[in-house]
Amino acid sequence: MSVTDRGSALVEPRLDPRGVRFSAAVTTVVLALVLLSGSGLLVLAQAVVFAVGAFAGMRFAPYGVVYRHLIAPRLGPPAEREDAAPVRFSQTVGLVFTVVAAAGYLSGLTVLGVVATAAALAAAFLNAAFGFCLGCEMYGLLARLRGTAAQS
């Protein structure tokens, strides 16, 4: 997979939605472990995973790399693909929540850590279990709002 040039902007390749759900499932497990353990370091590690996807691109996202190399070869090709931009935005949202959670846990504000982790966990679970990407929906809503504002 390579980044393609569409006009002047570089665009990431479209994603296999099964890989996105796999990543959400792994994230769900990690965040559940954070809630059980109260580990600021574990949620910080998850923040790093989100940061890689958000800033380096989805093709470098650690859980996506695992999916592409270990799981996808055992499956048939995906029936469809999805744009990377909304998923990348959701990685950024997850990054914000996990950084807040890590700050909470590591500074002794455990309630802040628990609330931020629980919010991120709920979003990851929705994607893993039902294919509903809350961050992707936020991306679409913001795009519509920008489009409406641009037309005014």
N, C-alpha and C. Protein backbone atom coordinates (compact mmCIF):
# COMPACT_ATOMS: atom_id res chain seq x y z
N MET A 1 0.84 -1.17 0.00
CA MET A 1 0.00 0.00 0.00
C MET A 1 0.88 1.23 0.00
N SER A 2 0.50 2.19 -0.79
CA SER A 2 1.25 3.43 -0.82
C SER A 2 0.30 4.61 -0.75
N VAL A 3 0.88 5.74 -0.42
CA VAL A 3 0.10 6.96 -0.40
C VAL A 3 -0.01 7.44 -1.83
N THR A 4 -1.19 7.86 -2.24
CA THR A 4 -1.39 8.32 -3.60
C THR A 4 -1.54 9.82 -3.63
N ASP A 5 -1.27 10.42 -4.79
CA ASP A 5 -1.37 11.86 -4.95
C ASP A 5 -2.64 12.16 -5.72
N ARG A 6 -3.60 12.78 -5.05
CA ARG A 6 -4.84 13.22 -5.69
C ARG A 6 -4.82 14.73 -5.69
N GLY A 7 -4.47 15.29 -6.84
CA GLY A 7 -4.33 16.74 -6.88
C GLY A 7 -3.06 17.11 -6.14
N SER A 8 -3.16 18.07 -5.24
CA SER A 8 -1.97 18.51 -4.52
C SER A 8 -1.84 17.86 -3.15
N ALA A 9 -2.88 17.19 -2.69
CA ALA A 9 -2.86 16.60 -1.34
C ALA A 9 -2.53 15.12 -1.41
N LEU A 10 -1.71 14.68 -0.47
CA LEU A 10 -1.43 13.25 -0.36
C LEU A 10 -2.57 12.60 0.40
N VAL A 11 -3.05 11.47 -0.13
CA VAL A 11 -4.20 10.79 0.45
C VAL A 11 -3.79 9.37 0.81
N GLU A 12 -4.16 8.94 2.00
CA GLU A 12 -3.84 7.59 2.42
C GLU A 12 -4.69 6.58 1.66
N PRO A 13 -4.19 5.37 1.51
CA PRO A 13 -5.00 4.33 0.87
C PRO A 13 -6.24 4.03 1.71
N ARG A 14 -7.27 3.55 1.06
CA ARG A 14 -8.51 3.19 1.76
C ARG A 14 -8.23 1.97 2.64
N LEU A 15 -8.99 1.89 3.72
CA LEU A 15 -8.75 0.88 4.75
C LEU A 15 -9.73 -0.28 4.68
N ASP A 16 -9.25 -1.44 5.09
CA ASP A 16 -10.09 -2.61 5.28
C ASP A 16 -10.85 -2.39 6.60
N PRO A 17 -12.18 -2.30 6.55
CA PRO A 17 -12.93 -2.03 7.79
C PRO A 17 -12.76 -3.13 8.84
N ARG A 18 -12.42 -4.33 8.41
CA ARG A 18 -12.18 -5.40 9.39
C ARG A 18 -10.94 -5.10 10.21
N GLY A 19 -9.94 -4.47 9.60
CA GLY A 19 -8.73 -4.08 10.32
C GLY A 19 -9.02 -2.97 11.33
N VAL A 20 -9.90 -2.06 10.93
CA VAL A 20 -10.29 -0.99 11.85
C VAL A 20 -11.01 -1.57 13.06
N ARG A 21 -11.89 -2.54 12.82
CA ARG A 21 -12.61 -3.17 13.94
C ARG A 21 -11.67 -4.01 14.80
N PHE A 22 -10.70 -4.67 14.18
CA PHE A 22 -9.70 -5.42 14.95
C PHE A 22 -8.94 -4.47 15.87
N SER A 23 -8.52 -3.34 15.33
CA SER A 23 -7.80 -2.36 16.13
C SER A 23 -8.66 -1.86 17.29
N ALA A 24 -9.94 -1.65 17.02
CA ALA A 24 -10.86 -1.21 18.07
C ALA A 24 -11.01 -2.29 19.13
N ALA A 25 -11.01 -3.55 18.72
CA ALA A 25 -11.13 -4.65 19.68
C ALA A 25 -9.90 -4.72 20.59
N VAL A 26 -8.71 -4.59 20.00
CA VAL A 26 -7.50 -4.60 20.82
C VAL A 26 -7.51 -3.40 21.77
N THR A 27 -7.91 -2.25 21.26
CA THR A 27 -8.00 -1.05 22.09
C THR A 27 -8.99 -1.26 23.23
N THR A 28 -10.11 -1.90 22.96
CA THR A 28 -11.10 -2.20 23.98
C THR A 28 -10.48 -3.02 25.11
N VAL A 29 -9.74 -4.04 24.75
CA VAL A 29 -9.09 -4.89 25.76
C VAL A 29 -8.08 -4.08 26.57
N VAL A 30 -7.26 -3.29 25.87
CA VAL A 30 -6.24 -2.49 26.57
C VAL A 30 -6.91 -1.53 27.55
N LEU A 31 -7.95 -0.82 27.09
CA LEU A 31 -8.61 0.16 27.96
C LEU A 31 -9.36 -0.50 29.11
N ALA A 32 -9.91 -1.69 28.89
CA ALA A 32 -10.53 -2.43 30.00
C ALA A 32 -9.47 -2.79 31.03
N LEU A 33 -8.30 -3.20 30.57
CA LEU A 33 -7.20 -3.50 31.50
C LEU A 33 -6.77 -2.26 32.26
N VAL A 34 -6.80 -1.11 31.60
CA VAL A 34 -6.47 0.14 32.29
C VAL A 34 -7.47 0.39 33.41
N LEU A 35 -8.76 0.23 33.12
CA LEU A 35 -9.76 0.44 34.17
C LEU A 35 -9.60 -0.54 35.33
N LEU A 36 -9.26 -1.77 35.01
CA LEU A 36 -9.07 -2.77 36.07
C LEU A 36 -7.81 -2.52 36.89
N SER A 37 -6.76 -2.05 36.23
CA SER A 37 -5.47 -1.90 36.92
C SER A 37 -5.20 -0.48 37.41
N GLY A 38 -5.86 0.50 36.79
CA GLY A 38 -5.55 1.89 37.13
C GLY A 38 -4.17 2.31 36.67
N SER A 39 -3.66 1.66 35.63
CA SER A 39 -2.29 1.91 35.17
C SER A 39 -2.20 3.12 34.25
N GLY A 40 -1.57 4.17 34.74
CA GLY A 40 -1.32 5.33 33.91
C GLY A 40 -0.34 5.04 32.80
N LEU A 41 0.60 4.13 33.06
CA LEU A 41 1.58 3.79 32.03
C LEU A 41 0.95 3.01 30.88
N LEU A 42 0.01 2.13 31.20
CA LEU A 42 -0.67 1.37 30.14
C LEU A 42 -1.52 2.29 29.27
N VAL A 43 -2.24 3.22 29.88
CA VAL A 43 -3.05 4.14 29.08
C VAL A 43 -2.15 5.09 28.29
N LEU A 44 -0.99 5.40 28.83
CA LEU A 44 -0.02 6.21 28.09
C LEU A 44 0.49 5.44 26.87
N ALA A 45 0.72 4.14 27.02
CA ALA A 45 1.13 3.31 25.88
C ALA A 45 0.03 3.31 24.81
N GLN A 46 -1.23 3.24 25.23
CA GLN A 46 -2.33 3.31 24.26
C GLN A 46 -2.36 4.67 23.59
N ALA A 47 -2.03 5.72 24.31
CA ALA A 47 -1.96 7.06 23.72
C ALA A 47 -0.90 7.11 22.62
N VAL A 48 0.21 6.43 22.85
CA VAL A 48 1.26 6.38 21.82
C VAL A 48 0.74 5.66 20.57
N VAL A 49 0.00 4.58 20.77
CA VAL A 49 -0.59 3.85 19.64
C VAL A 49 -1.50 4.79 18.84
N PHE A 50 -2.35 5.53 19.55
CA PHE A 50 -3.23 6.50 18.88
C PHE A 50 -2.41 7.57 18.16
N ALA A 51 -1.36 8.05 18.79
CA ALA A 51 -0.55 9.12 18.21
C ALA A 51 0.09 8.68 16.89
N VAL A 52 0.56 7.45 16.83
CA VAL A 52 1.16 6.95 15.60
C VAL A 52 0.12 6.97 14.47
N GLY A 53 -1.07 6.47 14.73
CA GLY A 53 -2.12 6.48 13.71
C GLY A 53 -2.53 7.89 13.32
N ALA A 54 -2.63 8.77 14.32
CA ALA A 54 -3.09 10.14 14.06
C ALA A 54 -2.06 10.96 13.30
N PHE A 55 -0.80 10.82 13.63
CA PHE A 55 0.22 11.70 13.05
C PHE A 55 1.03 11.06 11.93
N ALA A 56 1.36 9.77 12.03
CA ALA A 56 2.14 9.12 10.98
C ALA A 56 1.25 8.55 9.88
N GLY A 57 0.02 8.29 10.20
CA GLY A 57 -0.91 7.73 9.21
C GLY A 57 -1.32 6.33 9.59
N MET A 58 -2.47 5.94 9.08
CA MET A 58 -3.05 4.65 9.45
C MET A 58 -2.22 3.46 8.99
N ARG A 59 -1.46 3.62 7.94
CA ARG A 59 -0.66 2.46 7.51
C ARG A 59 0.45 2.13 8.49
N PHE A 60 0.75 3.07 9.41
CA PHE A 60 1.77 2.83 10.43
C PHE A 60 1.17 2.52 11.80
N ALA A 61 -0.14 2.61 11.93
CA ALA A 61 -0.79 2.35 13.22
C ALA A 61 -0.47 0.92 13.67
N PRO A 62 0.07 0.77 14.89
CA PRO A 62 0.56 -0.55 15.32
C PRO A 62 -0.44 -1.69 15.21
N TYR A 63 -1.67 -1.52 15.67
CA TYR A 63 -2.63 -2.62 15.60
C TYR A 63 -3.01 -2.92 14.15
N GLY A 64 -3.03 -1.90 13.32
CA GLY A 64 -3.31 -2.10 11.89
C GLY A 64 -2.20 -2.89 11.21
N VAL A 65 -0.96 -2.63 11.61
CA VAL A 65 0.18 -3.37 11.07
C VAL A 65 0.06 -4.85 11.43
N VAL A 66 -0.29 -5.12 12.69
CA VAL A 66 -0.50 -6.51 13.13
C VAL A 66 -1.60 -7.15 12.29
N TYR A 67 -2.71 -6.45 12.11
CA TYR A 67 -3.82 -6.99 11.33
C TYR A 67 -3.37 -7.29 9.89
N ARG A 68 -2.71 -6.34 9.25
CA ARG A 68 -2.30 -6.53 7.85
C ARG A 68 -1.35 -7.69 7.66
N HIS A 69 -0.44 -7.89 8.62
CA HIS A 69 0.59 -8.92 8.44
C HIS A 69 0.21 -10.29 8.98
N LEU A 70 -0.61 -10.33 10.03
CA LEU A 70 -0.91 -11.62 10.65
C LEU A 70 -2.33 -12.14 10.39
N ILE A 71 -3.28 -11.25 10.20
CA ILE A 71 -4.67 -11.68 10.10
C ILE A 71 -5.20 -11.56 8.68
N ALA A 72 -5.02 -10.42 8.05
CA ALA A 72 -5.57 -10.19 6.71
C ALA A 72 -5.15 -11.25 5.68
N PRO A 73 -3.90 -11.74 5.72
CA PRO A 73 -3.52 -12.76 4.73
C PRO A 73 -4.34 -14.05 4.84
N ARG A 74 -4.95 -14.29 5.99
CA ARG A 74 -5.74 -15.50 6.20
C ARG A 74 -7.20 -15.30 5.80
N LEU A 75 -7.57 -14.07 5.47
CA LEU A 75 -8.94 -13.74 5.09
C LEU A 75 -9.00 -13.44 3.60
N GLY A 76 -10.19 -13.47 3.07
CA GLY A 76 -10.36 -13.03 1.69
C GLY A 76 -10.28 -11.52 1.62
N PRO A 77 -10.28 -10.99 0.41
CA PRO A 77 -10.24 -9.53 0.30
C PRO A 77 -11.51 -8.91 0.89
N PRO A 78 -11.40 -7.69 1.37
CA PRO A 78 -12.59 -7.05 1.95
C PRO A 78 -13.64 -6.75 0.88
N ALA A 79 -14.90 -6.80 1.27
CA ALA A 79 -15.98 -6.50 0.34
C ALA A 79 -15.98 -5.03 -0.03
N GLU A 80 -15.51 -4.19 0.88
CA GLU A 80 -15.43 -2.76 0.64
C GLU A 80 -14.27 -2.20 1.42
N ARG A 81 -13.95 -0.97 1.14
CA ARG A 81 -12.90 -0.25 1.87
C ARG A 81 -13.48 1.07 2.33
N GLU A 82 -12.83 1.67 3.33
CA GLU A 82 -13.32 2.96 3.83
C GLU A 82 -12.20 3.98 3.83
N ASP A 83 -12.60 5.24 3.77
CA ASP A 83 -11.62 6.33 3.78
C ASP A 83 -10.83 6.31 5.08
N ALA A 84 -9.57 6.66 4.98
CA ALA A 84 -8.70 6.70 6.15
C ALA A 84 -8.91 7.97 6.98
N ALA A 85 -9.31 9.07 6.35
CA ALA A 85 -9.39 10.36 7.06
C ALA A 85 -10.29 10.30 8.30
N PRO A 86 -11.51 9.76 8.21
CA PRO A 86 -12.34 9.71 9.42
C PRO A 86 -11.73 8.82 10.51
N VAL A 87 -11.10 7.74 10.12
CA VAL A 87 -10.48 6.84 11.10
C VAL A 87 -9.28 7.53 11.74
N ARG A 88 -8.53 8.25 10.94
CA ARG A 88 -7.39 8.99 11.47
C ARG A 88 -7.87 10.07 12.45
N PHE A 89 -8.98 10.72 12.14
CA PHE A 89 -9.56 11.70 13.06
C PHE A 89 -9.95 11.02 14.37
N SER A 90 -10.55 9.83 14.27
CA SER A 90 -10.96 9.12 15.49
C SER A 90 -9.74 8.73 16.32
N GLN A 91 -8.61 8.47 15.67
CA GLN A 91 -7.37 8.19 16.40
C GLN A 91 -6.94 9.43 17.19
N THR A 92 -7.14 10.60 16.59
CA THR A 92 -6.80 11.85 17.27
C THR A 92 -7.70 12.07 18.48
N VAL A 93 -8.98 11.79 18.33
CA VAL A 93 -9.91 11.91 19.46
C VAL A 93 -9.51 10.93 20.56
N GLY A 94 -9.21 9.69 20.18
CA GLY A 94 -8.75 8.71 21.16
C GLY A 94 -7.47 9.15 21.85
N LEU A 95 -6.58 9.78 21.09
CA LEU A 95 -5.34 10.30 21.67
C LEU A 95 -5.64 11.34 22.75
N VAL A 96 -6.55 12.25 22.46
CA VAL A 96 -6.89 13.29 23.45
C VAL A 96 -7.41 12.64 24.73
N PHE A 97 -8.35 11.69 24.59
CA PHE A 97 -8.92 11.06 25.78
C PHE A 97 -7.88 10.26 26.56
N THR A 98 -6.99 9.56 25.87
CA THR A 98 -6.01 8.76 26.59
C THR A 98 -4.91 9.61 27.21
N VAL A 99 -4.58 10.74 26.61
CA VAL A 99 -3.61 11.65 27.23
C VAL A 99 -4.23 12.24 28.51
N VAL A 100 -5.49 12.62 28.44
CA VAL A 100 -6.18 13.12 29.64
C VAL A 100 -6.23 12.03 30.70
N ALA A 101 -6.54 10.80 30.29
CA ALA A 101 -6.60 9.68 31.23
C ALA A 101 -5.23 9.45 31.87
N ALA A 102 -4.18 9.45 31.06
CA ALA A 102 -2.84 9.23 31.60
C ALA A 102 -2.47 10.35 32.57
N ALA A 103 -2.79 11.58 32.22
CA ALA A 103 -2.50 12.70 33.12
C ALA A 103 -3.25 12.52 34.44
N GLY A 104 -4.50 12.07 34.35
CA GLY A 104 -5.27 11.84 35.56
C GLY A 104 -4.66 10.76 36.44
N TYR A 105 -4.40 9.61 35.85
CA TYR A 105 -3.84 8.50 36.63
C TYR A 105 -2.46 8.85 37.20
N LEU A 106 -1.61 9.44 36.37
CA LEU A 106 -0.23 9.69 36.79
C LEU A 106 -0.09 10.85 37.77
N SER A 107 -1.09 11.74 37.81
CA SER A 107 -1.02 12.87 38.74
C SER A 107 -1.80 12.63 40.02
N GLY A 108 -2.45 11.46 40.12
CA GLY A 108 -3.23 11.16 41.30
C GLY A 108 -4.70 11.57 41.20
N LEU A 109 -5.09 12.14 40.06
CA LEU A 109 -6.50 12.48 39.83
C LEU A 109 -7.19 11.27 39.19
N THR A 110 -7.32 10.23 39.98
CA THR A 110 -7.79 8.94 39.49
C THR A 110 -9.18 9.03 38.86
N VAL A 111 -10.06 9.85 39.42
CA VAL A 111 -11.41 9.97 38.85
C VAL A 111 -11.34 10.49 37.42
N LEU A 112 -10.47 11.46 37.17
CA LEU A 112 -10.28 11.98 35.81
C LEU A 112 -9.79 10.86 34.89
N GLY A 113 -8.83 10.08 35.37
CA GLY A 113 -8.32 8.95 34.59
C GLY A 113 -9.39 7.94 34.26
N VAL A 114 -10.20 7.62 35.26
CA VAL A 114 -11.27 6.63 35.06
C VAL A 114 -12.31 7.14 34.07
N VAL A 115 -12.73 8.39 34.21
CA VAL A 115 -13.76 8.94 33.33
C VAL A 115 -13.26 9.02 31.89
N ALA A 116 -12.05 9.52 31.68
CA ALA A 116 -11.51 9.63 30.33
C ALA A 116 -11.29 8.25 29.71
N THR A 117 -10.80 7.31 30.51
CA THR A 117 -10.61 5.94 30.01
C THR A 117 -11.94 5.30 29.65
N ALA A 118 -12.94 5.48 30.51
CA ALA A 118 -14.26 4.89 30.25
C ALA A 118 -14.88 5.45 28.98
N ALA A 119 -14.70 6.75 28.73
CA ALA A 119 -15.24 7.36 27.50
C ALA A 119 -14.55 6.77 26.27
N ALA A 120 -13.24 6.65 26.33
CA ALA A 120 -12.50 6.06 25.20
C ALA A 120 -12.87 4.59 25.02
N LEU A 121 -13.04 3.88 26.12
CA LEU A 121 -13.43 2.47 26.07
C LEU A 121 -14.80 2.31 25.43
N ALA A 122 -15.75 3.16 25.79
CA ALA A 122 -17.09 3.08 25.21
C ALA A 122 -17.03 3.27 23.69
N ALA A 123 -16.25 4.24 23.24
CA ALA A 123 -16.12 4.48 21.79
C ALA A 123 -15.45 3.30 21.09
N ALA A 124 -14.40 2.77 21.68
CA ALA A 124 -13.71 1.62 21.08
C ALA A 124 -14.61 0.40 21.03
N PHE A 125 -15.37 0.17 22.10
CA PHE A 125 -16.28 -0.97 22.13
C PHE A 125 -17.36 -0.85 21.07
N LEU A 126 -17.93 0.33 20.90
CA LEU A 126 -18.95 0.53 19.86
C LEU A 126 -18.42 0.16 18.48
N ASN A 127 -17.18 0.53 18.22
CA ASN A 127 -16.60 0.20 16.92
C ASN A 127 -16.30 -1.29 16.81
N ALA A 128 -15.71 -1.85 17.85
CA ALA A 128 -15.35 -3.27 17.81
C ALA A 128 -16.57 -4.17 17.71
N ALA A 129 -17.59 -3.90 18.49
CA ALA A 129 -18.75 -4.79 18.56
C ALA A 129 -19.78 -4.53 17.47
N PHE A 130 -19.95 -3.27 17.09
CA PHE A 130 -21.06 -2.93 16.18
C PHE A 130 -20.62 -2.23 14.90
N GLY A 131 -19.33 -1.95 14.76
CA GLY A 131 -18.86 -1.25 13.57
C GLY A 131 -19.28 0.21 13.54
N PHE A 132 -19.65 0.75 14.70
CA PHE A 132 -20.06 2.15 14.79
C PHE A 132 -18.88 2.97 15.30
N CYS A 133 -18.29 3.75 14.43
CA CYS A 133 -17.12 4.55 14.78
C CYS A 133 -17.58 5.95 15.19
N LEU A 134 -17.57 6.20 16.48
CA LEU A 134 -18.03 7.48 17.00
C LEU A 134 -17.17 8.63 16.49
N GLY A 135 -15.86 8.46 16.47
CA GLY A 135 -14.97 9.49 15.93
C GLY A 135 -15.22 9.75 14.46
N CYS A 136 -15.52 8.69 13.70
CA CYS A 136 -15.82 8.86 12.27
C CYS A 136 -17.11 9.64 12.08
N GLU A 137 -18.09 9.39 12.95
CA GLU A 137 -19.35 10.14 12.89
C GLU A 137 -19.11 11.61 13.22
N MET A 138 -18.25 11.87 14.20
CA MET A 138 -17.89 13.25 14.54
C MET A 138 -17.22 13.93 13.35
N TYR A 139 -16.34 13.21 12.67
CA TYR A 139 -15.65 13.73 11.49
C TYR A 139 -16.67 14.13 10.43
N GLY A 140 -17.64 13.26 10.17
CA GLY A 140 -18.68 13.57 9.18
C GLY A 140 -19.50 14.78 9.58
N LEU A 141 -19.86 14.87 10.85
CA LEU A 141 -20.64 16.01 11.33
C LEU A 141 -19.85 17.31 11.17
N LEU A 142 -18.58 17.28 11.54
CA LEU A 142 -17.75 18.48 11.40
C LEU A 142 -17.59 18.86 9.92
N ALA A 143 -17.46 17.86 9.06
CA ALA A 143 -17.35 18.14 7.62
C ALA A 143 -18.62 18.79 7.10
N ARG A 144 -19.78 18.31 7.55
CA ARG A 144 -21.05 18.92 7.13
C ARG A 144 -21.18 20.34 7.66
N LEU A 145 -20.76 20.55 8.91
CA LEU A 145 -20.82 21.90 9.49
C LEU A 145 -19.88 22.86 8.74
N ARG A 146 -18.71 22.39 8.39
CA ARG A 146 -17.77 23.23 7.61
C ARG A 146 -18.36 23.53 6.25
N GLY A 147 -19.00 22.54 5.63
CA GLY A 147 -19.62 22.74 4.32
C GLY A 147 -20.75 23.75 4.39
N THR A 148 -21.53 23.69 5.44
CA THR A 148 -22.64 24.63 5.63
C THR A 148 -22.08 26.03 5.86
N ALA A 149 -21.04 26.13 6.68
CA ALA A 149 -20.45 27.43 6.96
C ALA A 149 -19.81 28.03 5.71
N ALA A 150 -19.21 27.17 4.88
CA ALA A 150 -18.56 27.64 3.66
C ALA A 150 -19.59 28.14 2.64
N GLN A 151 -20.79 27.56 2.66
CA GLN A 151 -21.84 27.95 1.71
C GLN A 151 -22.51 29.25 2.13
N SER A 152 -22.42 29.62 3.39
CA SER A 152 -23.09 30.83 3.89
C SER A 152 -22.41 32.09 3.42
